[in-house]
N, C-alpha and C. Protein backbone atom coordinates (compact mmCIF):
# COMPACT_ATOMS: atom_id res chain seq x y z
N MET A 1 0.85 -1.18 0.00
CA MET A 1 0.00 0.00 0.00
C MET A 1 0.89 1.24 0.00
N ASP A 2 0.69 2.10 -0.99
CA ASP A 2 1.49 3.32 -1.00
C ASP A 2 0.66 4.58 -1.18
N LEU A 3 -0.66 4.45 -1.12
CA LEU A 3 -1.56 5.59 -1.29
C LEU A 3 -2.75 5.42 -0.36
N VAL A 4 -3.22 6.55 0.18
CA VAL A 4 -4.50 6.58 0.89
C VAL A 4 -5.42 7.46 0.09
N VAL A 5 -6.63 6.98 -0.18
CA VAL A 5 -7.64 7.77 -0.87
C VAL A 5 -8.73 8.12 0.14
N LEU A 6 -8.97 9.43 0.29
CA LEU A 6 -10.01 9.91 1.20
C LEU A 6 -11.30 10.13 0.44
N HIS A 7 -12.39 9.75 1.07
CA HIS A 7 -13.73 9.86 0.49
C HIS A 7 -14.65 10.52 1.51
N SER A 8 -15.85 10.85 1.06
CA SER A 8 -16.90 11.26 2.00
C SER A 8 -18.19 10.56 1.60
N ILE A 9 -19.00 10.26 2.63
CA ILE A 9 -20.25 9.53 2.40
C ILE A 9 -21.21 9.80 3.54
N SER A 10 -22.48 9.81 3.23
CA SER A 10 -23.53 9.74 4.25
C SER A 10 -24.74 9.09 3.60
N LEU A 11 -25.40 8.28 4.38
CA LEU A 11 -26.59 7.56 3.88
C LEU A 11 -27.70 7.62 4.91
N PRO A 12 -28.88 8.04 4.45
CA PRO A 12 -29.16 8.76 3.21
C PRO A 12 -28.36 10.07 3.18
N PRO A 13 -28.19 10.67 2.01
CA PRO A 13 -27.39 11.89 1.90
C PRO A 13 -27.82 12.95 2.91
N GLY A 14 -26.82 13.46 3.64
CA GLY A 14 -27.06 14.50 4.63
C GLY A 14 -27.49 13.98 5.99
N THR A 15 -27.59 12.68 6.14
CA THR A 15 -27.98 12.06 7.41
C THR A 15 -26.76 11.41 8.04
N TYR A 16 -26.54 11.70 9.32
CA TYR A 16 -25.34 11.20 9.99
C TYR A 16 -25.69 10.37 11.22
N GLY A 17 -24.78 9.45 11.55
CA GLY A 17 -24.88 8.73 12.80
C GLY A 17 -25.58 7.39 12.76
N GLY A 18 -26.16 7.03 11.64
CA GLY A 18 -26.89 5.77 11.57
C GLY A 18 -26.02 4.61 11.13
N PRO A 19 -26.62 3.43 11.03
CA PRO A 19 -25.88 2.22 10.65
C PRO A 19 -25.81 1.99 9.14
N GLU A 20 -26.39 2.89 8.35
CA GLU A 20 -26.56 2.62 6.92
C GLU A 20 -25.25 2.48 6.14
N VAL A 21 -24.25 3.31 6.45
CA VAL A 21 -23.00 3.23 5.69
C VAL A 21 -22.34 1.87 5.90
N GLU A 22 -22.24 1.44 7.13
CA GLU A 22 -21.64 0.13 7.40
C GLU A 22 -22.45 -0.98 6.75
N ALA A 23 -23.76 -0.89 6.82
CA ALA A 23 -24.61 -1.91 6.18
C ALA A 23 -24.39 -1.92 4.67
N PHE A 24 -24.24 -0.75 4.08
CA PHE A 24 -23.99 -0.64 2.64
C PHE A 24 -22.67 -1.32 2.28
N PHE A 25 -21.61 -1.05 3.06
CA PHE A 25 -20.30 -1.66 2.79
C PHE A 25 -20.32 -3.17 2.96
N GLN A 26 -21.24 -3.67 3.77
CA GLN A 26 -21.33 -5.11 4.02
C GLN A 26 -22.41 -5.77 3.15
N ASN A 27 -22.95 -4.99 2.21
CA ASN A 27 -24.01 -5.46 1.32
C ASN A 27 -25.23 -5.96 2.11
N GLN A 28 -25.55 -5.24 3.20
CA GLN A 28 -26.68 -5.61 4.04
C GLN A 28 -27.66 -4.45 4.21
N LEU A 29 -27.58 -3.46 3.34
CA LEU A 29 -28.46 -2.30 3.44
C LEU A 29 -29.89 -2.68 3.08
N ASP A 30 -30.83 -2.22 3.87
CA ASP A 30 -32.26 -2.44 3.57
C ASP A 30 -32.64 -1.44 2.48
N TRP A 31 -32.73 -1.91 1.26
CA TRP A 31 -32.97 -1.05 0.10
C TRP A 31 -34.32 -0.35 0.17
N THR A 32 -35.23 -0.86 0.97
CA THR A 32 -36.57 -0.26 1.06
C THR A 32 -36.68 0.78 2.17
N ALA A 33 -35.63 0.97 2.95
CA ALA A 33 -35.69 1.86 4.12
C ALA A 33 -35.71 3.34 3.75
N HIS A 34 -35.25 3.69 2.55
CA HIS A 34 -35.23 5.10 2.12
C HIS A 34 -35.26 5.12 0.59
N PRO A 35 -35.99 6.07 0.00
CA PRO A 35 -36.07 6.12 -1.47
C PRO A 35 -34.71 6.24 -2.16
N PHE A 36 -33.75 6.93 -1.55
CA PHE A 36 -32.43 7.08 -2.17
C PHE A 36 -31.73 5.74 -2.35
N PHE A 37 -31.97 4.81 -1.45
CA PHE A 37 -31.25 3.54 -1.48
C PHE A 37 -31.51 2.77 -2.77
N GLU A 38 -32.65 2.98 -3.39
CA GLU A 38 -32.94 2.30 -4.65
C GLU A 38 -31.95 2.75 -5.74
N GLN A 39 -31.48 4.00 -5.66
CA GLN A 39 -30.53 4.52 -6.64
C GLN A 39 -29.15 3.86 -6.54
N ILE A 40 -28.82 3.36 -5.37
CA ILE A 40 -27.49 2.77 -5.19
C ILE A 40 -27.55 1.24 -5.09
N ARG A 41 -28.73 0.71 -5.24
CA ARG A 41 -28.89 -0.75 -5.19
C ARG A 41 -28.00 -1.40 -6.25
N GLY A 42 -27.32 -2.44 -5.87
CA GLY A 42 -26.47 -3.17 -6.80
C GLY A 42 -25.03 -2.68 -6.85
N LEU A 43 -24.75 -1.51 -6.30
CA LEU A 43 -23.37 -1.04 -6.26
C LEU A 43 -22.58 -1.88 -5.27
N GLU A 44 -21.40 -2.27 -5.67
CA GLU A 44 -20.53 -3.01 -4.77
C GLU A 44 -19.43 -2.07 -4.32
N VAL A 45 -19.59 -1.55 -3.12
CA VAL A 45 -18.69 -0.52 -2.60
C VAL A 45 -18.24 -0.92 -1.20
N SER A 46 -16.98 -0.66 -0.93
CA SER A 46 -16.47 -0.86 0.42
C SER A 46 -15.26 0.06 0.61
N ALA A 47 -14.88 0.23 1.84
CA ALA A 47 -13.67 0.99 2.17
C ALA A 47 -13.00 0.26 3.32
N HIS A 48 -11.74 0.54 3.49
CA HIS A 48 -11.02 -0.08 4.60
C HIS A 48 -11.48 0.48 5.93
N PHE A 49 -11.71 1.80 5.96
CA PHE A 49 -12.10 2.46 7.20
C PHE A 49 -13.22 3.46 6.96
N PHE A 50 -14.02 3.67 7.99
CA PHE A 50 -15.09 4.66 8.01
C PHE A 50 -14.90 5.49 9.27
N VAL A 51 -14.79 6.81 9.11
CA VAL A 51 -14.60 7.71 10.25
C VAL A 51 -15.89 8.50 10.45
N ARG A 52 -16.57 8.21 11.55
CA ARG A 52 -17.83 8.88 11.87
C ARG A 52 -17.60 10.34 12.28
N ARG A 53 -18.67 11.11 12.32
CA ARG A 53 -18.60 12.53 12.69
C ARG A 53 -18.00 12.72 14.09
N ASP A 54 -18.24 11.78 14.99
CA ASP A 54 -17.72 11.89 16.36
C ASP A 54 -16.29 11.38 16.48
N GLY A 55 -15.69 10.96 15.36
CA GLY A 55 -14.31 10.49 15.36
C GLY A 55 -14.14 8.99 15.51
N GLU A 56 -15.23 8.27 15.76
CA GLU A 56 -15.12 6.82 15.86
C GLU A 56 -14.64 6.26 14.53
N VAL A 57 -13.64 5.38 14.61
CA VAL A 57 -13.10 4.74 13.41
C VAL A 57 -13.60 3.30 13.38
N VAL A 58 -14.21 2.94 12.27
CA VAL A 58 -14.72 1.59 12.07
C VAL A 58 -13.92 0.96 10.94
N GLN A 59 -13.30 -0.18 11.19
CA GLN A 59 -12.60 -0.88 10.12
C GLN A 59 -13.59 -1.81 9.43
N CYS A 60 -13.72 -1.64 8.12
CA CYS A 60 -14.68 -2.42 7.34
C CYS A 60 -14.02 -3.54 6.55
N VAL A 61 -12.77 -3.32 6.13
CA VAL A 61 -12.03 -4.31 5.35
C VAL A 61 -10.60 -4.31 5.88
N ALA A 62 -10.01 -5.48 6.03
CA ALA A 62 -8.61 -5.57 6.46
C ALA A 62 -7.72 -4.87 5.43
N THR A 63 -6.68 -4.20 5.89
CA THR A 63 -5.84 -3.44 4.97
C THR A 63 -5.02 -4.32 4.03
N ASP A 64 -4.90 -5.59 4.35
CA ASP A 64 -4.19 -6.48 3.42
C ASP A 64 -5.13 -7.09 2.38
N ARG A 65 -6.38 -6.63 2.39
CA ARG A 65 -7.36 -7.07 1.39
C ARG A 65 -7.79 -5.88 0.55
N ARG A 66 -8.23 -6.15 -0.65
CA ARG A 66 -8.69 -5.11 -1.57
C ARG A 66 -10.08 -4.64 -1.17
N ALA A 67 -10.25 -3.33 -1.09
CA ALA A 67 -11.57 -2.74 -0.89
C ALA A 67 -11.98 -2.09 -2.20
N TRP A 68 -13.27 -1.89 -2.37
CA TRP A 68 -13.82 -1.36 -3.61
C TRP A 68 -14.27 0.08 -3.38
N HIS A 69 -13.31 1.00 -3.35
CA HIS A 69 -13.60 2.39 -3.00
C HIS A 69 -13.28 3.38 -4.11
N ALA A 70 -12.32 3.11 -4.95
CA ALA A 70 -11.87 4.13 -5.90
C ALA A 70 -12.47 3.98 -7.30
N GLY A 71 -12.97 2.81 -7.64
CA GLY A 71 -13.55 2.62 -8.98
C GLY A 71 -12.52 2.87 -10.07
N ARG A 72 -12.99 3.37 -11.21
CA ARG A 72 -12.06 3.74 -12.29
C ARG A 72 -11.21 4.89 -11.78
N SER A 73 -9.92 4.64 -11.64
CA SER A 73 -9.06 5.62 -10.99
C SER A 73 -7.63 5.49 -11.47
N SER A 74 -6.87 6.54 -11.22
CA SER A 74 -5.47 6.55 -11.60
C SER A 74 -4.72 7.52 -10.69
N TRP A 75 -3.51 7.14 -10.33
CA TRP A 75 -2.67 7.99 -9.51
C TRP A 75 -1.24 7.92 -10.04
N GLN A 76 -0.71 9.05 -10.44
CA GLN A 76 0.65 9.16 -10.95
C GLN A 76 0.95 8.12 -12.02
N GLY A 77 0.01 7.98 -12.96
CA GLY A 77 0.20 7.09 -14.10
C GLY A 77 -0.15 5.63 -13.84
N ARG A 78 -0.57 5.30 -12.63
CA ARG A 78 -0.96 3.92 -12.30
C ARG A 78 -2.47 3.85 -12.19
N ASP A 79 -3.07 2.95 -12.94
CA ASP A 79 -4.52 2.76 -12.91
C ASP A 79 -4.92 1.86 -11.74
N ASN A 80 -6.23 1.80 -11.51
CA ASN A 80 -6.82 0.87 -10.53
C ASN A 80 -6.27 1.08 -9.11
N CYS A 81 -6.56 2.24 -8.55
CA CYS A 81 -6.07 2.56 -7.21
C CYS A 81 -6.49 1.55 -6.15
N ASN A 82 -7.61 0.86 -6.38
CA ASN A 82 -8.03 -0.15 -5.40
C ASN A 82 -6.95 -1.21 -5.18
N ASP A 83 -6.08 -1.40 -6.18
CA ASP A 83 -5.04 -2.42 -6.08
C ASP A 83 -3.93 -2.05 -5.10
N TYR A 84 -3.74 -0.76 -4.83
CA TYR A 84 -2.59 -0.35 -4.02
C TYR A 84 -2.90 0.77 -3.03
N ALA A 85 -4.18 1.05 -2.82
CA ALA A 85 -4.55 2.16 -1.93
C ALA A 85 -5.46 1.70 -0.80
N VAL A 86 -5.30 2.35 0.33
CA VAL A 86 -6.22 2.19 1.46
C VAL A 86 -7.31 3.24 1.27
N GLY A 87 -8.56 2.83 1.38
CA GLY A 87 -9.69 3.75 1.26
C GLY A 87 -10.24 4.11 2.62
N ILE A 88 -10.36 5.42 2.87
CA ILE A 88 -10.92 5.91 4.12
C ILE A 88 -12.11 6.80 3.80
N GLU A 89 -13.26 6.41 4.29
CA GLU A 89 -14.50 7.18 4.11
C GLU A 89 -14.73 8.04 5.35
N LEU A 90 -14.94 9.33 5.13
CA LEU A 90 -15.31 10.25 6.21
C LEU A 90 -16.80 10.49 6.13
N GLU A 91 -17.47 10.42 7.25
CA GLU A 91 -18.91 10.67 7.26
C GLU A 91 -19.13 12.16 6.98
N GLY A 92 -19.72 12.44 5.84
CA GLY A 92 -19.95 13.81 5.40
C GLY A 92 -20.26 13.83 3.92
N LEU A 93 -20.52 15.02 3.42
CA LEU A 93 -20.82 15.21 2.00
C LEU A 93 -19.85 16.21 1.40
N GLU A 94 -19.68 16.16 0.08
CA GLU A 94 -18.86 17.15 -0.60
C GLU A 94 -19.38 18.53 -0.22
N GLY A 95 -18.51 19.40 0.22
CA GLY A 95 -18.91 20.74 0.61
C GLY A 95 -19.17 20.88 2.10
N ASP A 96 -19.44 19.78 2.79
CA ASP A 96 -19.60 19.83 4.25
C ASP A 96 -18.26 20.15 4.89
N VAL A 97 -18.33 20.80 6.03
CA VAL A 97 -17.15 20.98 6.86
C VAL A 97 -17.05 19.74 7.74
N PHE A 98 -15.87 19.18 7.82
CA PHE A 98 -15.67 17.99 8.63
C PHE A 98 -15.35 18.38 10.06
N GLU A 99 -15.62 17.46 10.98
CA GLU A 99 -15.52 17.73 12.41
C GLU A 99 -14.08 17.60 12.93
N PRO A 100 -13.73 18.40 13.95
CA PRO A 100 -12.40 18.26 14.55
C PRO A 100 -12.10 16.83 14.99
N ALA A 101 -13.08 16.14 15.52
CA ALA A 101 -12.87 14.75 15.95
C ALA A 101 -12.51 13.85 14.77
N GLN A 102 -13.04 14.15 13.59
CA GLN A 102 -12.71 13.36 12.41
C GLN A 102 -11.25 13.59 12.00
N TYR A 103 -10.82 14.86 12.02
CA TYR A 103 -9.42 15.14 11.69
C TYR A 103 -8.48 14.47 12.68
N ALA A 104 -8.81 14.54 13.98
CA ALA A 104 -7.95 13.92 15.00
C ALA A 104 -7.84 12.41 14.77
N SER A 105 -8.96 11.77 14.50
CA SER A 105 -8.94 10.32 14.25
C SER A 105 -8.22 10.00 12.95
N LEU A 106 -8.43 10.82 11.93
CA LEU A 106 -7.77 10.60 10.65
C LEU A 106 -6.26 10.70 10.79
N VAL A 107 -5.78 11.69 11.54
CA VAL A 107 -4.34 11.83 11.76
C VAL A 107 -3.79 10.58 12.45
N ARG A 108 -4.44 10.13 13.51
CA ARG A 108 -3.98 8.92 14.21
C ARG A 108 -3.97 7.71 13.27
N LEU A 109 -5.02 7.59 12.47
CA LEU A 109 -5.12 6.47 11.54
C LEU A 109 -4.02 6.53 10.48
N LEU A 110 -3.78 7.70 9.92
CA LEU A 110 -2.74 7.84 8.90
C LEU A 110 -1.36 7.54 9.47
N LEU A 111 -1.09 7.99 10.69
CA LEU A 111 0.20 7.69 11.32
C LEU A 111 0.36 6.19 11.54
N ALA A 112 -0.71 5.53 11.98
CA ALA A 112 -0.66 4.08 12.17
C ALA A 112 -0.43 3.36 10.84
N LEU A 113 -1.11 3.82 9.80
CA LEU A 113 -0.93 3.21 8.48
C LEU A 113 0.49 3.41 7.97
N ALA A 114 1.06 4.59 8.20
CA ALA A 114 2.43 4.86 7.76
C ALA A 114 3.43 3.97 8.49
N ARG A 115 3.17 3.67 9.76
CA ARG A 115 4.04 2.74 10.49
C ARG A 115 3.92 1.32 9.92
N ARG A 116 2.70 0.94 9.60
CA ARG A 116 2.48 -0.42 9.09
C ARG A 116 2.98 -0.58 7.66
N TYR A 117 2.84 0.47 6.86
CA TYR A 117 3.23 0.43 5.45
C TYR A 117 4.26 1.52 5.17
N PRO A 118 5.55 1.23 5.36
CA PRO A 118 6.58 2.24 5.11
C PRO A 118 6.56 2.78 3.68
N SER A 119 5.97 2.03 2.75
CA SER A 119 5.89 2.49 1.36
C SER A 119 4.80 3.54 1.16
N LEU A 120 3.96 3.76 2.17
CA LEU A 120 2.89 4.76 2.06
C LEU A 120 3.52 6.14 1.89
N ARG A 121 3.18 6.82 0.79
CA ARG A 121 3.83 8.10 0.54
C ARG A 121 2.90 9.16 -0.03
N ALA A 122 1.60 8.89 -0.06
CA ALA A 122 0.70 9.90 -0.62
C ALA A 122 -0.70 9.77 -0.05
N VAL A 123 -1.36 10.92 0.06
CA VAL A 123 -2.76 11.00 0.47
C VAL A 123 -3.47 11.84 -0.58
N ALA A 124 -4.53 11.29 -1.15
CA ALA A 124 -5.28 11.98 -2.20
C ALA A 124 -6.77 11.86 -1.91
N GLY A 125 -7.52 12.75 -2.48
CA GLY A 125 -8.96 12.64 -2.42
C GLY A 125 -9.46 11.82 -3.59
N HIS A 126 -10.67 11.29 -3.45
CA HIS A 126 -11.30 10.58 -4.56
C HIS A 126 -11.34 11.50 -5.78
N GLU A 127 -11.54 12.78 -5.53
CA GLU A 127 -11.57 13.78 -6.59
C GLU A 127 -10.26 13.85 -7.37
N HIS A 128 -9.15 13.47 -6.74
CA HIS A 128 -7.84 13.53 -7.39
C HIS A 128 -7.54 12.28 -8.21
N VAL A 129 -8.07 11.14 -7.78
CA VAL A 129 -7.78 9.89 -8.50
C VAL A 129 -8.85 9.55 -9.53
N ALA A 130 -9.97 10.25 -9.46
CA ALA A 130 -11.06 10.05 -10.43
C ALA A 130 -11.64 11.42 -10.79
N PRO A 131 -10.79 12.34 -11.30
CA PRO A 131 -11.26 13.69 -11.60
C PRO A 131 -12.34 13.69 -12.67
N GLY A 132 -13.32 14.54 -12.47
CA GLY A 132 -14.43 14.62 -13.41
C GLY A 132 -15.50 13.59 -13.14
N ARG A 133 -15.15 12.54 -12.42
CA ARG A 133 -16.10 11.48 -12.09
C ARG A 133 -16.53 11.57 -10.64
N LYS A 134 -15.62 11.97 -9.77
CA LYS A 134 -15.91 12.06 -8.34
C LYS A 134 -15.46 13.41 -7.80
N ALA A 135 -16.10 13.87 -6.73
CA ALA A 135 -15.80 15.19 -6.17
C ALA A 135 -15.53 15.15 -4.66
N ASP A 136 -15.39 13.97 -4.11
CA ASP A 136 -15.20 13.88 -2.66
C ASP A 136 -13.72 13.72 -2.30
N PRO A 137 -13.33 14.15 -1.10
CA PRO A 137 -14.17 14.67 -0.04
C PRO A 137 -14.67 16.09 -0.27
N GLY A 138 -14.13 16.78 -1.26
CA GLY A 138 -14.70 18.06 -1.65
C GLY A 138 -14.12 19.27 -0.96
N PRO A 139 -14.69 20.44 -1.27
CA PRO A 139 -14.13 21.71 -0.78
C PRO A 139 -14.26 21.91 0.72
N GLY A 140 -15.07 21.14 1.40
CA GLY A 140 -15.19 21.27 2.85
C GLY A 140 -14.07 20.59 3.61
N PHE A 141 -13.24 19.82 2.90
CA PHE A 141 -12.13 19.13 3.57
C PHE A 141 -10.93 20.06 3.63
N ASP A 142 -10.36 20.23 4.80
CA ASP A 142 -9.25 21.16 5.02
C ASP A 142 -7.91 20.41 4.93
N TRP A 143 -7.38 20.38 3.71
CA TRP A 143 -6.11 19.68 3.47
C TRP A 143 -4.97 20.32 4.25
N ALA A 144 -4.96 21.64 4.35
CA ALA A 144 -3.88 22.32 5.08
C ALA A 144 -3.89 21.92 6.55
N GLN A 145 -5.07 21.78 7.14
CA GLN A 145 -5.16 21.35 8.53
C GLN A 145 -4.61 19.93 8.69
N LEU A 146 -4.97 19.05 7.78
CA LEU A 146 -4.47 17.68 7.85
C LEU A 146 -2.95 17.68 7.77
N ARG A 147 -2.42 18.42 6.83
CA ARG A 147 -0.96 18.46 6.65
C ARG A 147 -0.28 19.02 7.88
N ALA A 148 -0.84 20.08 8.47
CA ALA A 148 -0.24 20.69 9.65
C ALA A 148 -0.15 19.71 10.81
N HIS A 149 -1.17 18.88 10.96
CA HIS A 149 -1.17 17.92 12.06
C HIS A 149 -0.25 16.73 11.80
N LEU A 150 -0.01 16.42 10.54
CA LEU A 150 0.86 15.30 10.21
C LEU A 150 2.31 15.71 10.07
N ASP A 151 2.54 16.95 9.64
CA ASP A 151 3.89 17.44 9.41
C ASP A 151 4.63 16.58 8.39
N TRP A 152 3.91 16.14 7.36
CA TRP A 152 4.52 15.41 6.26
C TRP A 152 4.83 16.40 5.15
N PRO A 153 5.77 16.11 4.27
CA PRO A 153 6.08 17.02 3.16
C PRO A 153 4.87 17.27 2.26
N ALA A 154 4.83 18.44 1.68
CA ALA A 154 3.71 18.82 0.80
C ALA A 154 3.53 17.82 -0.33
N ALA A 155 4.61 17.23 -0.80
CA ALA A 155 4.53 16.29 -1.92
C ALA A 155 3.68 15.06 -1.59
N CYS A 156 3.40 14.83 -0.32
CA CYS A 156 2.57 13.69 0.08
C CYS A 156 1.09 13.94 -0.15
N PHE A 157 0.71 15.18 -0.42
CA PHE A 157 -0.70 15.55 -0.49
C PHE A 157 -1.07 16.01 -1.90
N ALA A 158 -2.01 15.31 -2.50
CA ALA A 158 -2.42 15.62 -3.86
C ALA A 158 -3.03 17.01 -3.98
N SER A 159 -3.59 17.52 -2.91
CA SER A 159 -4.37 18.75 -2.98
C SER A 159 -3.52 20.00 -3.01
N LEU A 160 -2.25 19.91 -2.68
CA LEU A 160 -1.43 21.10 -2.59
C LEU A 160 -0.89 21.47 -3.96
N SER A 161 -0.75 22.75 -4.17
CA SER A 161 -0.37 23.24 -5.50
C SER A 161 1.05 22.82 -5.86
N ALA A 162 1.30 22.78 -7.14
CA ALA A 162 2.63 22.43 -7.64
C ALA A 162 3.68 23.41 -7.13
N ALA A 163 3.31 24.69 -6.97
CA ALA A 163 4.25 25.69 -6.48
C ALA A 163 4.68 25.37 -5.05
N VAL A 164 3.75 24.96 -4.21
CA VAL A 164 4.09 24.61 -2.83
C VAL A 164 4.99 23.39 -2.82
N VAL A 165 4.66 22.40 -3.61
CA VAL A 165 5.47 21.18 -3.67
C VAL A 165 6.86 21.51 -4.19
N SER A 166 6.96 22.34 -5.22
CA SER A 166 8.24 22.71 -5.79
C SER A 166 9.09 23.46 -4.77
N GLU A 167 8.49 24.40 -4.06
CA GLU A 167 9.21 25.16 -3.03
C GLU A 167 9.71 24.24 -1.93
N GLU A 168 8.89 23.31 -1.52
CA GLU A 168 9.29 22.39 -0.46
C GLU A 168 10.37 21.44 -0.95
N ALA A 169 10.31 21.03 -2.21
CA ALA A 169 11.34 20.16 -2.76
C ALA A 169 12.70 20.85 -2.70
N LYS A 170 12.73 22.15 -2.96
CA LYS A 170 13.98 22.91 -2.86
C LYS A 170 14.47 22.91 -1.42
N ARG A 171 13.55 23.09 -0.49
CA ARG A 171 13.89 23.19 0.92
C ARG A 171 14.42 21.86 1.47
N PHE A 172 13.78 20.77 1.10
CA PHE A 172 14.15 19.46 1.64
C PHE A 172 15.16 18.72 0.76
N GLY A 173 15.44 19.30 -0.42
CA GLY A 173 16.42 18.70 -1.32
C GLY A 173 15.92 17.47 -1.94
């Protein structure tokens, strides 16, 4: 694993705190419980981790197994991100502001993943690995805050501008 892909999800859209996301990832969602669920019926989706609004981290798929989170995707010229990326779903919608507890849990999770997978060297949004097709986690996600708490080089984050990465490359050699 050398990439983490961040996503956002809520089921039904805009509803937080229920069991629906986990049920969806386990293919156990009651399709009749909400009209929206009929639109996603048949999708086979999973992620390695789900971070709730209160910061609770739920592991849905073992990290040594493939999860189905990125779909048609590419990162730095490599297709099929599901083959080499850990997928982390944040409870929220594109444009939502994420909770401090989610950032705190995400930082702890990313540090643990980096210890387990020394080859891990990048964090991207679904929007970065599937541009034009996906928009999550979206503009409500504070990439600068995540970076500040991790203190990793700018080059590790897909969201930072090329100018920032270039400047940091000069600084760190």
